[in-house]
C-alpha atoms as a PDB file:
ATOM      1  CA  MET A   1     -35.586  -4.482 -10.844  1.00  0.00           C
ATOM      2  CA  THR A   2     -34.498  -4.733  -7.297  1.00  0.00           C
ATOM      3  CA  LYS A   3     -32.234  -7.789  -7.976  1.00  0.00           C
ATOM      4  CA  PRO A   4     -29.806  -5.747 -10.114  1.00  0.00           C
ATOM      5  CA  LEU A   5     -30.048  -2.866  -7.376  1.00  0.00           C
ATOM      6  CA  SER A   6     -29.079  -5.157  -4.591  1.00  0.00           C
ATOM      7  CA  GLY A   7     -26.213  -6.616  -6.343  1.00  0.00           C
ATOM      8  CA  LEU A   8     -25.023  -3.014  -7.161  1.00  0.00           C
ATOM      9  CA  GLY A   9     -25.545  -1.886  -3.633  1.00  0.00           C
ATOM     10  CA  LEU A  10     -23.356  -5.186  -2.220  1.00  0.00           C
ATOM     11  CA  LEU A  11     -20.750  -4.543  -4.814  1.00  0.00           C
ATOM     12  CA  LEU A  12     -20.584  -0.532  -3.610  1.00  0.00           C
ATOM     13  CA  ILE A  13     -20.238  -1.826  -0.056  1.00  0.00           C
ATOM     14  CA  VAL A  14     -17.443  -4.417  -0.740  1.00  0.00           C
ATOM     15  CA  ALA A  15     -15.460  -1.858  -2.700  1.00  0.00           C
ATOM     16  CA  LEU A  16     -15.726   0.961   0.011  1.00  0.00           C
ATOM     17  CA  ALA A  17     -15.107  -1.602   2.637  1.00  0.00           C
ATOM     18  CA  GLY A  18     -11.808  -2.291   0.314  1.00  0.00           C
ATOM     19  CA  CYS A  19     -10.601   1.448   0.267  1.00  0.00           C
ATOM     20  CA  SER A  20     -11.330   1.908   4.105  1.00  0.00           C
ATOM     21  CA  SER A  21      -8.914  -0.892   5.196  1.00  0.00           C
ATOM     22  CA  GLN A  22      -5.483  -0.063   6.345  1.00  0.00           C
ATOM     23  CA  PRO A  23      -2.682  -1.000   4.178  1.00  0.00           C
ATOM     24  CA  ASP A  24      -1.460  -4.122   5.183  1.00  0.00           C
ATOM     25  CA  VAL A  25       2.383  -3.800   5.220  1.00  0.00           C
ATOM     26  CA  GLU A  26       3.146  -6.681   7.336  1.00  0.00           C
ATOM     27  CA  ARG A  27       2.069  -9.070   4.161  1.00  0.00           C
ATOM     28  CA  VAL A  28       5.079  -7.624   1.962  1.00  0.00           C
ATOM     29  CA  PRO A  29       8.113  -9.940   2.559  1.00  0.00           C
ATOM     30  CA  VAL A  30      11.315  -7.650   3.589  1.00  0.00           C
ATOM     31  CA  GLY A  31      13.632  -7.331   0.672  1.00  0.00           C
ATOM     32  CA  ALA A  32      10.766  -6.640  -1.881  1.00  0.00           C
ATOM     33  CA  GLU A  33      10.409  -3.957  -4.052  1.00  0.00           C
ATOM     34  CA  VAL A  34       7.759  -1.574  -2.821  1.00  0.00           C
ATOM     35  CA  GLN A  35       5.981   1.506  -3.742  1.00  0.00           C
ATOM     36  CA  VAL A  36       4.744   3.207  -0.617  1.00  0.00           C
ATOM     37  CA  VAL A  37       2.275   6.302  -1.164  1.00  0.00           C
ATOM     38  CA  THR A  38       1.867   8.490   2.024  1.00  0.00           C
ATOM     39  CA  GLU A  39      -1.434  10.072   2.689  1.00  0.00           C
ATOM     40  CA  ASP A  40       0.089  13.605   1.719  1.00  0.00           C
ATOM     41  CA  GLY A  41       1.034  12.180  -1.834  1.00  0.00           C
ATOM     42  CA  ALA A  42       4.334  11.413  -1.651  1.00  0.00           C
ATOM     43  CA  VAL A  43       5.768   7.795  -3.238  1.00  0.00           C
ATOM     44  CA  VAL A  44       8.776   6.205  -1.954  1.00  0.00           C
ATOM     45  CA  THR A  45       9.812   3.572  -3.983  1.00  0.00           C
ATOM     46  CA  GLY A  46      12.409   1.102  -3.252  1.00  0.00           C
ATOM     47  CA  THR A  47      13.358  -2.030  -1.431  1.00  0.00           C
ATOM     48  CA  LEU A  48      11.539  -2.799   1.667  1.00  0.00           C
ATOM     49  CA  ALA A  49      14.165  -2.759   4.360  1.00  0.00           C
ATOM     50  CA  ALA A  50      12.797  -3.273   7.791  1.00  0.00           C
ATOM     51  CA  ARG A  51       9.257  -2.541   9.499  1.00  0.00           C
ATOM     52  CA  ASP A  52       8.313  -1.994  13.250  1.00  0.00           C
ATOM     53  CA  GLU A  53       5.187  -0.888  14.889  1.00  0.00           C
ATOM     54  CA  LYS A  54       5.847   2.650  14.082  1.00  0.00           C
ATOM     55  CA  VAL A  55       7.660   3.202  11.235  1.00  0.00           C
ATOM     56  CA  VAL A  56       8.547   1.246   7.647  1.00  0.00           C
ATOM     57  CA  GLN A  57      11.912   1.497   6.239  1.00  0.00           C
ATOM     58  CA  VAL A  58      12.759   1.653   2.427  1.00  0.00           C
ATOM     59  CA  ASN A  59      16.072   1.776   0.894  1.00  0.00           C
ATOM     60  CA  VAL A  60      16.212   4.194  -1.739  1.00  0.00           C
ATOM     61  CA  GLY A  61      19.554   3.877  -3.633  1.00  0.00           C
ATOM     62  CA  ARG A  62      22.070   4.161  -0.791  1.00  0.00           C
ATOM     63  CA  GLN A  63      19.544   6.269   1.557  1.00  0.00           C
ATOM     64  CA  THR A  64      17.103   4.573   3.823  1.00  0.00           C
ATOM     65  CA  ARG A  65      13.794   6.544   4.101  1.00  0.00           C
ATOM     66  CA  GLU A  66      11.705   5.866   7.286  1.00  0.00           C
ATOM     67  CA  VAL A  67       7.687   6.362   6.851  1.00  0.00           C
ATOM     68  CA  PRO A  68       5.898   6.295   9.889  1.00  0.00           C
ATOM     69  CA  ARG A  69       2.927   3.603   9.638  1.00  0.00           C
ATOM     70  CA  GLU A  70      -0.105   6.338  10.201  1.00  0.00           C
ATOM     71  CA  ALA A  71       0.856   8.186   7.345  1.00  0.00           C
ATOM     72  CA  ILE A  72       0.827   5.249   4.794  1.00  0.00           C
ATOM     73  CA  ALA A  73      -2.033   5.123   2.559  1.00  0.00           C
ATOM     74  CA  ASP A  74      -0.905   2.349   0.459  1.00  0.00           C
ATOM     75  CA  VAL A  75       1.866  -0.334  -0.061  1.00  0.00           C
ATOM     76  CA  GLN A  76       2.171  -1.932  -3.390  1.00  0.00           C
ATOM     77  CA  VAL A  77       4.801  -4.629  -4.292  1.00  0.00           C
ATOM     78  CA  VAL A  78       6.363  -3.524  -7.574  1.00  0.00           C
ATOM     79  CA  GLU A  79       7.003  -6.471 -10.100  1.00  0.00           C
ATOM     80  CA  ALA A  80      10.532  -6.420 -11.742  1.00  0.00           C
ATOM     81  CA  SER A  81       9.135  -7.166 -14.944  1.00  0.00           C
ATOM     82  CA  LYS A  82       6.746  -4.207 -14.801  1.00  0.00           C
ATOM     83  CA  PRO A  83       7.888  -0.277 -14.454  1.00  0.00           C
ATOM     84  CA  ALA A  84       6.337   1.738 -11.451  1.00  0.00           C
ATOM     85  CA  PRO A  85       3.260   3.618 -12.587  1.00  0.00           C
END
């Protein structure tokens, strides 16, 4: 009985560690289609234009939106074949 519980505990720890990590914008190449979700729930979808230590810039149509890094909750690459959720 302890083996299934210890496996479940390990799985829970790994899942929580993944949730608490900061999104790694550095792994996303500039020019990729992205979806940036902020901590307040706003979603910015467009092309990653630039990034520095303070902000991430996303081209949305003809405008460029700047999202402060500390406000980013999640970053996902949007595949061309899949519509954004």
